[in-house]
Amino acid sequence: ARTFAQNCRNIEHLNLNGCTKITDSTCYSLSRFCSKLKHLDLTSCVAITNSSLKGLSEGCRNLEHLNLSWCDQITKDGIEALVKGCSGLKALFLRGCTQLEDEALKHIQNHCHELAILNLQSCTQISDEGIVKICRGCHRLQSLCVSGCCNLTDASLTALGLNCPRLKILEAARCSQLTDAGFTLLARNCHELEKMDLEECVLITDSTLIQLSIHCPKLQALSLSHCELITDDGILHLSNSTCGHERLQVLELDNCLLITDVTLEHLENCHNLERIELYDCQQVTRAGIKRIRAHRPHVKVHAYFAPVTPPPSVGGSGQRLCRCCIIL
């Protein structure tokens, strides 16, 4: 790595994703010789520590995009060192950096005012306190992933709504404490939203869909898998809205047990729809799917059905298939 760094001093993009033998000495070499580096991917370089980030902050001050996902030795001290030198960061990926806590986000708040993309997936120690800090310091935020940060409540959504009007992507899967009240405030303030992953946000109801349909006309992709309180009525509002008519491309409704064929009738109004996920929507029928396919032949509909139970055979030895063996 040292030889590489010495001989490629003008390098701006470097992808070391999955190079598990990369160590801190690699980052020291990059710091010493590659001052023009802008884009560095260290995903799953699990041997690197806070020392690497200190090195990068001293020598690679032009860094704009840094991926440290699954580098689980990183702590708040490494983030503090990094952002003091690399204050121009626009994208920071910290998925699976499980030692990070709210104090790490305070350092990002204080130094990274250009930040547009932040991924904190599965950083399970993060709470509302840290997200509020990010929102107050990073008003240009366009994409935030907090999937698996299960401590978060509506206070985080409120902070996003009040501070981050440019937000386009919010991934909040498995944040099971979030409610309609938080999403209402978010929708009323973040009109640029294009993609939302709300899988297993189990408390939300049709009320959230009504607010999104009114205030978020650019919504293209929405995951509501395992949001078991969602009904056909919520989908009606969505499909009759500007985003439904003009933008919506992907809708995931796996395990939304109250959804019926009526939802599919509503979705016929969504002219740009490309894909619907309906696994385990037990009230959706083959006939309903056949109908939407007739009206919207380009839409991919993913679902499965239990086979018709055969009559019991003599001796009871008839083979039974599980429902997933018959894929639409």
C-alpha atoms as a PDB file:
ATOM      1  CA  ALA A   1       0.000   0.000   0.000  1.00  0.00           C
ATOM      2  CA  ARG A   2       2.890   2.332   0.734  1.00  0.00           C
ATOM      3  CA  THR A   3       4.354   1.703  -2.713  1.00  0.00           C
ATOM      4  CA  PHE A   4       0.963   2.338  -4.285  1.00  0.00           C
ATOM      5  CA  ALA A   5       0.490   5.577  -2.362  1.00  0.00           C
ATOM      6  CA  GLN A   6       3.980   6.813  -3.220  1.00  0.00           C
ATOM      7  CA  ASN A   7       3.482   6.183  -6.928  1.00  0.00           C
ATOM      8  CA  CYS A   8      -0.130   7.360  -7.305  1.00  0.00           C
ATOM      9  CA  ARG A   9       0.029  10.745  -5.672  1.00  0.00           C
ATOM     10  CA  ASN A  10      -2.693  12.276  -7.844  1.00  0.00           C
ATOM     11  CA  ILE A  11      -5.312   9.664  -7.040  1.00  0.00           C
ATOM     12  CA  GLU A  12      -8.708  11.083  -6.127  1.00  0.00           C
ATOM     13  CA  HIS A  13     -10.927   7.951  -5.946  1.00  0.00           C
ATOM     14  CA  LEU A  14      -9.863   4.790  -4.110  1.00  0.00           C
ATOM     15  CA  ASN A  15     -12.048   1.768  -3.373  1.00  0.00           C
ATOM     16  CA  LEU A  16     -10.666  -0.711  -0.820  1.00  0.00           C
ATOM     17  CA  ASN A  17     -14.050  -2.269   0.001  1.00  0.00           C
ATOM     18  CA  GLY A  18     -13.542  -5.696   1.547  1.00  0.00           C
ATOM     19  CA  CYS A  19      -9.731  -5.499   1.650  1.00  0.00           C
ATOM     20  CA  THR A  20      -9.672  -6.972   5.128  1.00  0.00           C
ATOM     21  CA  LYS A  21      -5.875  -6.923   5.427  1.00  0.00           C
ATOM     22  CA  ILE A  22      -5.747  -3.133   5.150  1.00  0.00           C
ATOM     23  CA  THR A  23      -4.310  -1.680   8.371  1.00  0.00           C
ATOM     24  CA  ASP A  24      -3.655   1.706   9.903  1.00  0.00           C
ATOM     25  CA  SER A  25      -0.291   1.832   8.124  1.00  0.00           C
ATOM     26  CA  THR A  26      -2.167   1.903   4.805  1.00  0.00           C
ATOM     27  CA  CYS A  27      -4.048   4.985   5.891  1.00  0.00           C
ATOM     28  CA  TYR A  28      -0.824   6.603   7.119  1.00  0.00           C
ATOM     29  CA  SER A  29       0.638   6.100   3.642  1.00  0.00           C
ATOM     30  CA  LEU A  30      -2.445   7.575   1.991  1.00  0.00           C
ATOM     31  CA  SER A  31      -2.258  10.501   4.361  1.00  0.00           C
ATOM     32  CA  ARG A  32       1.394  11.111   3.612  1.00  0.00           C
ATOM     33  CA  PHE A  33       1.323  10.811  -0.175  1.00  0.00           C
ATOM     34  CA  CYS A  34      -2.267  11.202  -1.445  1.00  0.00           C
ATOM     35  CA  SER A  35      -3.341  14.686  -0.472  1.00  0.00           C
ATOM     36  CA  LYS A  36      -5.737  14.940  -3.446  1.00  0.00           C
ATOM     37  CA  LEU A  37      -7.877  12.011  -2.293  1.00  0.00           C
ATOM     38  CA  LYS A  38     -11.574  12.898  -2.405  1.00  0.00           C
ATOM     39  CA  HIS A  39     -13.402   9.565  -2.368  1.00  0.00           C
ATOM     40  CA  LEU A  40     -12.277   6.690  -0.122  1.00  0.00           C
ATOM     41  CA  ASP A  41     -14.149   3.444   0.520  1.00  0.00           C
ATOM     42  CA  LEU A  42     -12.875   1.400   3.472  1.00  0.00           C
ATOM     43  CA  THR A  43     -16.004  -0.757   3.888  1.00  0.00           C
ATOM     44  CA  SER A  44     -15.245  -3.877   5.958  1.00  0.00           C
ATOM     45  CA  CYS A  45     -11.587  -2.949   6.481  1.00  0.00           C
ATOM     46  CA  VAL A  46     -12.103  -4.236   9.989  1.00  0.00           C
ATOM     47  CA  ALA A  47      -8.510  -3.867  11.165  1.00  0.00           C
ATOM     48  CA  ILE A  48      -8.422  -0.090  10.961  1.00  0.00           C
ATOM     49  CA  THR A  49      -8.731   1.931  14.141  1.00  0.00           C
ATOM     50  CA  ASN A  50      -9.113   5.537  15.213  1.00  0.00           C
ATOM     51  CA  SER A  51      -5.439   6.056  14.304  1.00  0.00           C
ATOM     52  CA  SER A  52      -6.356   5.728  10.619  1.00  0.00           C
ATOM     53  CA  LEU A  53      -8.873   8.522  10.919  1.00  0.00           C
ATOM     54  CA  LYS A  54      -6.355  10.752  12.656  1.00  0.00           C
ATOM     55  CA  GLY A  55      -3.934  10.123   9.795  1.00  0.00           C
ATOM     56  CA  LEU A  56      -6.522  10.847   7.125  1.00  0.00           C
ATOM     57  CA  SER A  57      -7.534  14.075   8.841  1.00  0.00           C
ATOM     58  CA  GLU A  58      -3.938  15.302   8.776  1.00  0.00           C
ATOM     59  CA  GLY A  59      -3.065  14.450   5.186  1.00  0.00           C
ATOM     60  CA  CYS A  60      -6.280  14.017   3.190  1.00  0.00           C
ATOM     61  CA  ARG A  61      -8.087  17.245   3.907  1.00  0.00           C
ATOM     62  CA  ASN A  62      -9.903  17.222   0.560  1.00  0.00           C
ATOM     63  CA  LEU A  63     -11.931  14.110   1.436  1.00  0.00           C
ATOM     64  CA  GLU A  64     -15.571  14.504   0.439  1.00  0.00           C
ATOM     65  CA  HIS A  65     -16.839  10.907   0.481  1.00  0.00           C
ATOM     66  CA  LEU A  66     -15.747   8.399   3.121  1.00  0.00           C
ATOM     67  CA  ASN A  67     -17.192   4.938   3.733  1.00  0.00           C
ATOM     68  CA  LEU A  68     -16.254   3.322   7.050  1.00  0.00           C
ATOM     69  CA  SER A  69     -19.101   0.810   7.154  1.00  0.00           C
ATOM     70  CA  TRP A  70     -18.468  -2.207   9.398  1.00  0.00           C
ATOM     71  CA  CYS A  71     -15.166  -0.750  10.664  1.00  0.00           C
ATOM     72  CA  ASP A  72     -16.346  -1.559  14.141  1.00  0.00           C
ATOM     73  CA  GLN A  73     -13.238  -0.481  16.030  1.00  0.00           C
ATOM     74  CA  ILE A  74     -14.011   3.167  15.282  1.00  0.00           C
ATOM     75  CA  THR A  75     -15.211   5.238  18.239  1.00  0.00           C
ATOM     76  CA  LYS A  76     -16.158   8.845  18.882  1.00  0.00           C
ATOM     77  CA  ASP A  77     -12.473   9.755  19.288  1.00  0.00           C
ATOM     78  CA  GLY A  78     -11.753   8.682  15.719  1.00  0.00           C
ATOM     79  CA  ILE A  79     -14.704  10.652  14.383  1.00  0.00           C
ATOM     80  CA  GLU A  80     -13.569  13.710  16.340  1.00  0.00           C
ATOM     81  CA  ALA A  81     -10.079  13.515  14.822  1.00  0.00           C
ATOM     82  CA  LEU A  82     -11.467  12.897  11.326  1.00  0.00           C
ATOM     83  CA  VAL A  83     -13.886  15.797  11.131  1.00  0.00           C
ATOM     84  CA  LYS A  84     -11.473  18.351  12.523  1.00  0.00           C
ATOM     85  CA  GLY A  85      -9.283  17.874   9.461  1.00  0.00           C
ATOM     86  CA  CYS A  86     -11.872  16.799   6.871  1.00  0.00           C
ATOM     87  CA  SER A  87     -14.574  19.405   7.421  1.00  0.00           C
ATOM     88  CA  GLY A  88     -15.541  19.324   3.734  1.00  0.00           C
ATOM     89  CA  LEU A  89     -17.076  15.843   3.989  1.00  0.00           C
ATOM     90  CA  LYS A  90     -20.273  15.556   1.954  1.00  0.00           C
ATOM     91  CA  ALA A  91     -20.971  11.840   2.397  1.00  0.00           C
ATOM     92  CA  LEU A  92     -20.145   9.709   5.443  1.00  0.00           C
ATOM     93  CA  PHE A  93     -21.137   6.046   5.739  1.00  0.00           C
ATOM     94  CA  LEU A  94     -20.884   4.526   9.230  1.00  0.00           C
ATOM     95  CA  ARG A  95     -23.089   1.435   8.903  1.00  0.00           C
ATOM     96  CA  GLY A  96     -22.380  -1.113  11.585  1.00  0.00           C
ATOM     97  CA  CYS A  97     -19.934   1.085  13.511  1.00  0.00           C
ATOM     98  CA  THR A  98     -21.555  -0.185  16.657  1.00  0.00           C
ATOM     99  CA  GLN A  99     -19.322   1.623  19.153  1.00  0.00           C
ATOM    100  CA  LEU A 100     -20.456   5.056  17.996  1.00  0.00           C
ATOM    101  CA  GLU A 101     -22.622   7.043  20.363  1.00  0.00           C
ATOM    102  CA  ASP A 102     -24.271  10.462  20.361  1.00  0.00           C
ATOM    103  CA  GLU A 103     -21.053  12.283  21.176  1.00  0.00           C
ATOM    104  CA  ALA A 104     -19.600  11.204  17.813  1.00  0.00           C
ATOM    105  CA  LEU A 105     -22.487  12.973  16.103  1.00  0.00           C
ATOM    106  CA  LYS A 106     -21.802  16.126  18.103  1.00  0.00           C
ATOM    107  CA  HIS A 107     -18.369  16.319  16.458  1.00  0.00           C
ATOM    108  CA  ILE A 108     -19.973  15.923  13.016  1.00  0.00           C
ATOM    109  CA  GLN A 109     -22.434  18.685  13.910  1.00  0.00           C
ATOM    110  CA  ASN A 110     -19.633  21.049  14.841  1.00  0.00           C
ATOM    111  CA  HIS A 111     -17.461  20.557  11.756  1.00  0.00           C
ATOM    112  CA  CYS A 112     -19.296  19.005   8.762  1.00  0.00           C
ATOM    113  CA  HIS A 113     -21.676  21.708   7.592  1.00  0.00           C
ATOM    114  CA  GLU A 114     -21.511  20.507   3.967  1.00  0.00           C
ATOM    115  CA  LEU A 115     -22.694  16.987   4.827  1.00  0.00           C
ATOM    116  CA  ALA A 116     -25.441  15.769   2.460  1.00  0.00           C
ATOM    117  CA  ILE A 117     -25.406  11.985   3.030  1.00  0.00           C
ATOM    118  CA  LEU A 118     -25.114  10.227   6.395  1.00  0.00           C
ATOM    119  CA  ASN A 119     -25.609   6.505   6.969  1.00  0.00           C
ATOM    120  CA  LEU A 120     -25.882   5.285  10.562  1.00  0.00           C
ATOM    121  CA  GLN A 121     -27.538   1.932   9.906  1.00  0.00           C
ATOM    122  CA  SER A 122     -27.309  -0.398  12.917  1.00  0.00           C
ATOM    123  CA  CYS A 123     -25.463   2.148  15.068  1.00  0.00           C
ATOM    124  CA  THR A 124     -27.609   0.935  17.913  1.00  0.00           C
ATOM    125  CA  GLN A 125     -26.271   3.261  20.615  1.00  0.00           C
ATOM    126  CA  ILE A 126     -27.436   6.391  18.793  1.00  0.00           C
ATOM    127  CA  SER A 127     -30.425   8.184  20.334  1.00  0.00           C
ATOM    128  CA  ASP A 128     -32.561  11.238  19.551  1.00  0.00           C
ATOM    129  CA  GLU A 129     -29.928  13.419  21.184  1.00  0.00           C
ATOM    130  CA  GLY A 130     -27.394  12.578  18.494  1.00  0.00           C
ATOM    131  CA  ILE A 131     -29.825  12.924  15.575  1.00  0.00           C
ATOM    132  CA  VAL A 132     -30.973  16.326  16.873  1.00  0.00           C
ATOM    133  CA  LYS A 133     -27.345  17.465  16.910  1.00  0.00           C
ATOM    134  CA  ILE A 134     -26.822  16.299  13.319  1.00  0.00           C
ATOM    135  CA  CYS A 135     -29.943  18.106  12.147  1.00  0.00           C
ATOM    136  CA  ARG A 136     -28.923  21.345  13.822  1.00  0.00           C
ATOM    137  CA  GLY A 137     -25.447  21.322  12.298  1.00  0.00           C
ATOM    138  CA  CYS A 138     -26.082  19.776   8.866  1.00  0.00           C
ATOM    139  CA  HIS A 139     -28.870  21.760   7.216  1.00  0.00           C
ATOM    140  CA  ARG A 140     -27.880  20.478   3.760  1.00  0.00           C
ATOM    141  CA  LEU A 141     -28.655  16.874   4.638  1.00  0.00           C
ATOM    142  CA  GLN A 142     -30.348  15.103   1.711  1.00  0.00           C
ATOM    143  CA  SER A 143     -30.066  11.443   2.704  1.00  0.00           C
ATOM    144  CA  LEU A 144     -30.199   9.910   6.175  1.00  0.00           C
ATOM    145  CA  CYS A 145     -30.218   6.225   7.042  1.00  0.00           C
ATOM    146  CA  VAL A 146     -31.027   5.327  10.645  1.00  0.00           C
ATOM    147  CA  SER A 147     -32.388   1.835   9.971  1.00  0.00           C
ATOM    148  CA  GLY A 148     -31.920  -0.344  13.021  1.00  0.00           C
ATOM    149  CA  CYS A 149     -31.365   2.623  15.360  1.00  0.00           C
ATOM    150  CA  CYS A 150     -34.191   1.387  17.510  1.00  0.00           C
ATOM    151  CA  ASN A 151     -33.875   3.998  20.283  1.00  0.00           C
ATOM    152  CA  LEU A 152     -35.123   6.822  18.053  1.00  0.00           C
ATOM    153  CA  THR A 153     -38.480   8.494  18.655  1.00  0.00           C
ATOM    154  CA  ASP A 154     -40.512  11.270  17.031  1.00  0.00           C
ATOM    155  CA  ALA A 155     -38.033  13.785  18.465  1.00  0.00           C
ATOM    156  CA  SER A 156     -35.640  12.770  15.662  1.00  0.00           C
ATOM    157  CA  LEU A 157     -38.307  13.230  12.974  1.00  0.00           C
ATOM    158  CA  THR A 158     -39.199  16.627  14.450  1.00  0.00           C
ATOM    159  CA  ALA A 159     -35.564  17.725  14.297  1.00  0.00           C
ATOM    160  CA  LEU A 160     -35.336  16.604  10.660  1.00  0.00           C
ATOM    161  CA  GLY A 161     -38.504  18.486   9.783  1.00  0.00           C
ATOM    162  CA  LEU A 162     -37.410  21.690  11.464  1.00  0.00           C
ATOM    163  CA  ASN A 163     -33.813  21.734  10.239  1.00  0.00           C
ATOM    164  CA  CYS A 164     -33.366  19.694   7.030  1.00  0.00           C
ATOM    165  CA  PRO A 165     -35.775  20.924   4.331  1.00  0.00           C
ATOM    166  CA  ARG A 166     -33.658  19.424   1.520  1.00  0.00           C
ATOM    167  CA  LEU A 167     -34.116  15.839   2.754  1.00  0.00           C
ATOM    168  CA  LYS A 168     -34.770  13.457  -0.154  1.00  0.00           C
ATOM    169  CA  ILE A 169     -34.119  10.019   1.331  1.00  0.00           C
ATOM    170  CA  LEU A 170     -35.034   8.724   4.777  1.00  0.00           C
ATOM    171  CA  GLU A 171     -34.401   5.101   5.696  1.00  0.00           C
ATOM    172  CA  ALA A 172     -35.827   4.325   9.117  1.00  0.00           C
ATOM    173  CA  ALA A 173     -36.530   0.585   8.962  1.00  0.00           C
ATOM    174  CA  ARG A 174     -37.032  -1.103  12.346  1.00  0.00           C
ATOM    175  CA  CYS A 175     -37.380   2.240  14.148  1.00  0.00           C
ATOM    176  CA  SER A 176     -40.459   0.905  15.851  1.00  0.00           C
ATOM    177  CA  GLN A 177     -41.049   3.861  18.192  1.00  0.00           C
ATOM    178  CA  LEU A 178     -41.764   6.355  15.384  1.00  0.00           C
ATOM    179  CA  THR A 179     -45.411   7.440  15.071  1.00  0.00           C
ATOM    180  CA  ASP A 180     -47.806   9.357  12.838  1.00  0.00           C
ATOM    181  CA  ALA A 181     -47.145  12.535  14.829  1.00  0.00           C
ATOM    182  CA  GLY A 182     -43.440  12.540  13.883  1.00  0.00           C
ATOM    183  CA  PHE A 183     -44.054  11.695  10.236  1.00  0.00           C
ATOM    184  CA  THR A 184     -46.743  14.403  10.043  1.00  0.00           C
ATOM    185  CA  LEU A 185     -44.269  17.074  11.080  1.00  0.00           C
ATOM    186  CA  LEU A 186     -41.634  15.643   8.740  1.00  0.00           C
ATOM    187  CA  ALA A 187     -43.972  15.547   5.737  1.00  0.00           C
ATOM    188  CA  ARG A 188     -45.202  19.087   6.321  1.00  0.00           C
ATOM    189  CA  ASN A 189     -41.654  20.444   6.210  1.00  0.00           C
ATOM    190  CA  CYS A 190     -39.687  18.133   3.874  1.00  0.00           C
ATOM    191  CA  HIS A 191     -41.377  18.514   0.501  1.00  0.00           C
ATOM    192  CA  GLU A 192     -38.417  17.100  -1.463  1.00  0.00           C
ATOM    193  CA  LEU A 193     -38.766  13.544  -0.104  1.00  0.00           C
ATOM    194  CA  GLU A 194     -38.284  10.951  -2.858  1.00  0.00           C
ATOM    195  CA  LYS A 195     -37.576   7.686  -1.047  1.00  0.00           C
ATOM    196  CA  MET A 196     -38.706   6.429   2.365  1.00  0.00           C
ATOM    197  CA  ASP A 197     -38.064   3.068   3.971  1.00  0.00           C
ATOM    198  CA  LEU A 198     -40.459   2.683   6.901  1.00  0.00           C
ATOM    199  CA  GLU A 199     -40.338  -1.095   7.191  1.00  0.00           C
ATOM    200  CA  GLU A 200     -41.381  -2.239  10.678  1.00  0.00           C
ATOM    201  CA  CYS A 201     -42.382   1.261  11.781  1.00  0.00           C
ATOM    202  CA  VAL A 202     -45.230  -0.688  13.309  1.00  0.00           C
ATOM    203  CA  LEU A 203     -47.076   2.226  14.949  1.00  0.00           C
ATOM    204  CA  ILE A 204     -47.814   4.216  11.794  1.00  0.00           C
ATOM    205  CA  THR A 205     -51.303   4.280  10.299  1.00  0.00           C
ATOM    206  CA  ASP A 206     -53.053   5.656   7.229  1.00  0.00           C
ATOM    207  CA  SER A 207     -52.623   9.096   8.798  1.00  0.00           C
ATOM    208  CA  THR A 208     -48.951   9.083   7.794  1.00  0.00           C
ATOM    209  CA  LEU A 209     -49.888   8.187   4.208  1.00  0.00           C
ATOM    210  CA  ILE A 210     -52.421  11.004   4.085  1.00  0.00           C
ATOM    211  CA  GLN A 211     -49.755  13.521   5.145  1.00  0.00           C
ATOM    212  CA  LEU A 212     -47.228  12.161   2.636  1.00  0.00           C
ATOM    213  CA  SER A 213     -49.831  12.306  -0.129  1.00  0.00           C
ATOM    214  CA  ILE A 214     -50.597  15.956   0.625  1.00  0.00           C
ATOM    215  CA  HIS A 215     -47.114  17.323   1.257  1.00  0.00           C
ATOM    216  CA  CYS A 216     -44.592  15.109  -0.585  1.00  0.00           C
ATOM    217  CA  PRO A 217     -45.398  15.243  -4.325  1.00  0.00           C
ATOM    218  CA  LYS A 218     -41.980  13.884  -5.374  1.00  0.00           C
ATOM    219  CA  LEU A 219     -42.201  10.549  -3.535  1.00  0.00           C
ATOM    220  CA  GLN A 220     -40.980   7.736  -5.814  1.00  0.00           C
ATOM    221  CA  ALA A 221     -40.323   4.754  -3.531  1.00  0.00           C
ATOM    222  CA  LEU A 222     -42.046   3.825  -0.288  1.00  0.00           C
ATOM    223  CA  SER A 223     -41.566   0.722   1.851  1.00  0.00           C
ATOM    224  CA  LEU A 224     -44.305  -0.024   4.378  1.00  0.00           C
ATOM    225  CA  SER A 225     -43.481  -3.695   4.914  1.00  0.00           C
ATOM    226  CA  HIS A 226     -44.725  -4.996   8.293  1.00  0.00           C
ATOM    227  CA  CYS A 227     -46.648  -1.756   8.935  1.00  0.00           C
ATOM    228  CA  GLU A 228     -49.675  -3.815   9.870  1.00  0.00           C
ATOM    229  CA  LEU A 229     -52.025  -0.894  10.628  1.00  0.00           C
ATOM    230  CA  ILE A 230     -51.974   0.386   7.018  1.00  0.00           C
ATOM    231  CA  THR A 231     -55.254  -0.169   5.138  1.00  0.00           C
ATOM    232  CA  ASP A 232     -56.644   0.234   1.635  1.00  0.00           C
ATOM    233  CA  ASP A 233     -57.804   3.733   2.610  1.00  0.00           C
ATOM    234  CA  GLY A 234     -54.253   4.948   3.125  1.00  0.00           C
ATOM    235  CA  ILE A 235     -53.233   3.609  -0.268  1.00  0.00           C
ATOM    236  CA  LEU A 236     -56.285   5.348  -1.785  1.00  0.00           C
ATOM    237  CA  HIS A 237     -54.988   8.729  -0.607  1.00  0.00           C
ATOM    238  CA  LEU A 238     -51.503   7.948  -1.861  1.00  0.00           C
ATOM    239  CA  SER A 239     -52.656   6.799  -5.293  1.00  0.00           C
ATOM    240  CA  ASN A 240     -54.950   9.801  -5.767  1.00  0.00           C
ATOM    241  CA  SER A 241     -52.195  12.300  -4.951  1.00  0.00           C
ATOM    242  CA  THR A 242     -49.725  14.092  -7.209  1.00  0.00           C
ATOM    243  CA  CYS A 243     -46.973  11.657  -6.221  1.00  0.00           C
ATOM    244  CA  GLY A 244     -49.275   8.723  -6.949  1.00  0.00           C
ATOM    245  CA  HIS A 245     -50.295   9.977 -10.362  1.00  0.00           C
ATOM    246  CA  GLU A 246     -46.892  11.215 -11.481  1.00  0.00           C
ATOM    247  CA  ARG A 247     -43.992   9.835  -9.431  1.00  0.00           C
ATOM    248  CA  LEU A 248     -44.583   6.654  -7.437  1.00  0.00           C
ATOM    249  CA  GLN A 249     -42.512   3.783  -8.868  1.00  0.00           C
ATOM    250  CA  VAL A 250     -42.031   1.298  -6.009  1.00  0.00           C
ATOM    251  CA  LEU A 251     -44.425   0.368  -3.216  1.00  0.00           C
ATOM    252  CA  GLU A 252     -43.571  -2.388  -0.728  1.00  0.00           C
ATOM    253  CA  LEU A 253     -46.470  -3.730   1.328  1.00  0.00           C
ATOM    254  CA  ASP A 254     -45.155  -7.103   2.530  1.00  0.00           C
ATOM    255  CA  ASN A 255     -46.994  -8.308   5.639  1.00  0.00           C
ATOM    256  CA  CYS A 256     -49.513  -5.461   5.567  1.00  0.00           C
ATOM    257  CA  LEU A 257     -52.280  -7.809   6.621  1.00  0.00           C
ATOM    258  CA  LEU A 258     -55.204  -5.394   6.158  1.00  0.00           C
ATOM    259  CA  ILE A 259     -54.411  -4.711   2.489  1.00  0.00           C
ATOM    260  CA  THR A 260     -56.901  -6.225   0.007  1.00  0.00           C
ATOM    261  CA  ASP A 261     -57.547  -6.235  -3.742  1.00  0.00           C
ATOM    262  CA  VAL A 262     -59.070  -2.765  -3.282  1.00  0.00           C
ATOM    263  CA  THR A 263     -55.507  -1.423  -2.894  1.00  0.00           C
ATOM    264  CA  LEU A 264     -54.593  -2.866  -6.286  1.00  0.00           C
ATOM    265  CA  GLU A 265     -57.584  -1.114  -7.842  1.00  0.00           C
ATOM    266  CA  HIS A 266     -56.404   2.184  -6.367  1.00  0.00           C
ATOM    267  CA  LEU A 267     -52.866   1.626  -7.651  1.00  0.00           C
ATOM    268  CA  GLU A 268     -54.122   1.418 -11.213  1.00  0.00           C
ATOM    269  CA  ASN A 269     -54.058   5.242 -11.020  1.00  0.00           C
ATOM    270  CA  CYS A 270     -50.272   5.266 -10.534  1.00  0.00           C
ATOM    271  CA  HIS A 271     -49.024   5.699 -14.086  1.00  0.00           C
ATOM    272  CA  ASN A 272     -45.307   5.316 -13.317  1.00  0.00           C
ATOM    273  CA  LEU A 273     -45.595   2.340 -10.994  1.00  0.00           C
ATOM    274  CA  GLU A 274     -42.917  -0.279 -11.701  1.00  0.00           C
ATOM    275  CA  ARG A 275     -43.007  -2.690  -8.759  1.00  0.00           C
ATOM    276  CA  ILE A 276     -45.359  -3.740  -5.948  1.00  0.00           C
ATOM    277  CA  GLU A 277     -44.333  -6.123  -3.147  1.00  0.00           C
ATOM    278  CA  LEU A 278     -47.212  -8.045  -1.591  1.00  0.00           C
ATOM    279  CA  TYR A 279     -45.640 -11.038   0.167  1.00  0.00           C
ATOM    280  CA  ASP A 280     -47.876 -12.288   2.981  1.00  0.00           C
ATOM    281  CA  CYS A 281     -50.723  -9.899   2.159  1.00  0.00           C
ATOM    282  CA  GLN A 282     -53.178 -12.676   2.799  1.00  0.00           C
ATOM    283  CA  GLN A 283     -56.280 -10.764   1.665  1.00  0.00           C
ATOM    284  CA  VAL A 284     -54.863 -10.086  -1.804  1.00  0.00           C
ATOM    285  CA  THR A 285     -56.079 -12.595  -4.389  1.00  0.00           C
ATOM    286  CA  ARG A 286     -54.839 -13.930  -7.694  1.00  0.00           C
ATOM    287  CA  ALA A 287     -57.811 -12.252  -9.358  1.00  0.00           C
ATOM    288  CA  GLY A 288     -56.807  -8.869  -7.949  1.00  0.00           C
ATOM    289  CA  ILE A 289     -53.275  -9.265  -9.238  1.00  0.00           C
ATOM    290  CA  LYS A 290     -54.533 -10.453 -12.629  1.00  0.00           C
ATOM    291  CA  ARG A 291     -56.652  -7.327 -12.897  1.00  0.00           C
ATOM    292  CA  ILE A 292     -53.853  -4.844 -12.185  1.00  0.00           C
ATOM    293  CA  ARG A 293     -51.604  -6.711 -14.595  1.00  0.00           C
ATOM    294  CA  ALA A 294     -54.240  -6.272 -17.278  1.00  0.00           C
ATOM    295  CA  HIS A 295     -54.388  -2.525 -16.648  1.00  0.00           C
ATOM    296  CA  ARG A 296     -50.681  -2.025 -15.953  1.00  0.00           C
ATOM    297  CA  PRO A 297     -48.812  -4.812 -17.797  1.00  0.00           C
ATOM    298  CA  HIS A 298     -45.381  -3.321 -17.092  1.00  0.00           C
ATOM    299  CA  VAL A 299     -45.788  -3.430 -13.310  1.00  0.00           C
ATOM    300  CA  LYS A 300     -43.882  -6.233 -11.548  1.00  0.00           C
ATOM    301  CA  VAL A 301     -46.089  -7.691  -8.819  1.00  0.00           C
ATOM    302  CA  HIS A 302     -44.314  -9.895  -6.296  1.00  0.00           C
ATOM    303  CA  ALA A 303     -46.517 -12.137  -4.154  1.00  0.00           C
ATOM    304  CA  TYR A 304     -47.108 -15.776  -3.339  1.00  0.00           C
ATOM    305  CA  PHE A 305     -50.079 -17.898  -2.454  1.00  0.00           C
ATOM    306  CA  ALA A 306     -50.736 -21.061  -0.537  1.00  0.00           C
ATOM    307  CA  PRO A 307     -51.687 -23.787  -2.999  1.00  0.00           C
ATOM    308  CA  VAL A 308     -55.233 -25.024  -3.025  1.00  0.00           C
ATOM    309  CA  THR A 309     -55.371 -27.770  -0.436  1.00  0.00           C
ATOM    310  CA  PRO A 310     -55.847 -31.069  -2.268  1.00  0.00           C
ATOM    311  CA  PRO A 311     -58.533 -33.473  -1.061  1.00  0.00           C
ATOM    312  CA  PRO A 312     -57.131 -35.871   1.527  1.00  0.00           C
ATOM    313  CA  SER A 313     -55.775 -38.906  -0.280  1.00  0.00           C
ATOM    314  CA  VAL A 314     -56.456 -42.442   0.787  1.00  0.00           C
ATOM    315  CA  GLY A 315     -54.127 -43.303   3.622  1.00  0.00           C
ATOM    316  CA  GLY A 316     -53.356 -39.596   4.219  1.00  0.00           C
ATOM    317  CA  SER A 317     -49.982 -39.750   2.516  1.00  0.00           C
ATOM    318  CA  GLY A 318     -50.611 -36.803   0.164  1.00  0.00           C
ATOM    319  CA  GLN A 319     -47.696 -34.387   0.055  1.00  0.00           C
ATOM    320  CA  ARG A 320     -48.433 -30.867   1.294  1.00  0.00           C
ATOM    321  CA  LEU A 321     -46.561 -27.880  -0.093  1.00  0.00           C
ATOM    322  CA  CYS A 322     -45.654 -24.890   2.011  1.00  0.00           C
ATOM    323  CA  ARG A 323     -47.008 -21.601   0.683  1.00  0.00           C
ATOM    324  CA  CYS A 324     -43.644 -20.314  -0.488  1.00  0.00           C
ATOM    325  CA  CYS A 325     -43.256 -23.204  -2.930  1.00  0.00           C
ATOM    326  CA  ILE A 326     -45.682 -21.598  -5.335  1.00  0.00           C
ATOM    327  CA  ILE A 327     -44.293 -18.297  -6.495  1.00  0.00           C
ATOM    328  CA  LEU A 328     -46.336 -16.017  -8.696  1.00  0.00           C
END
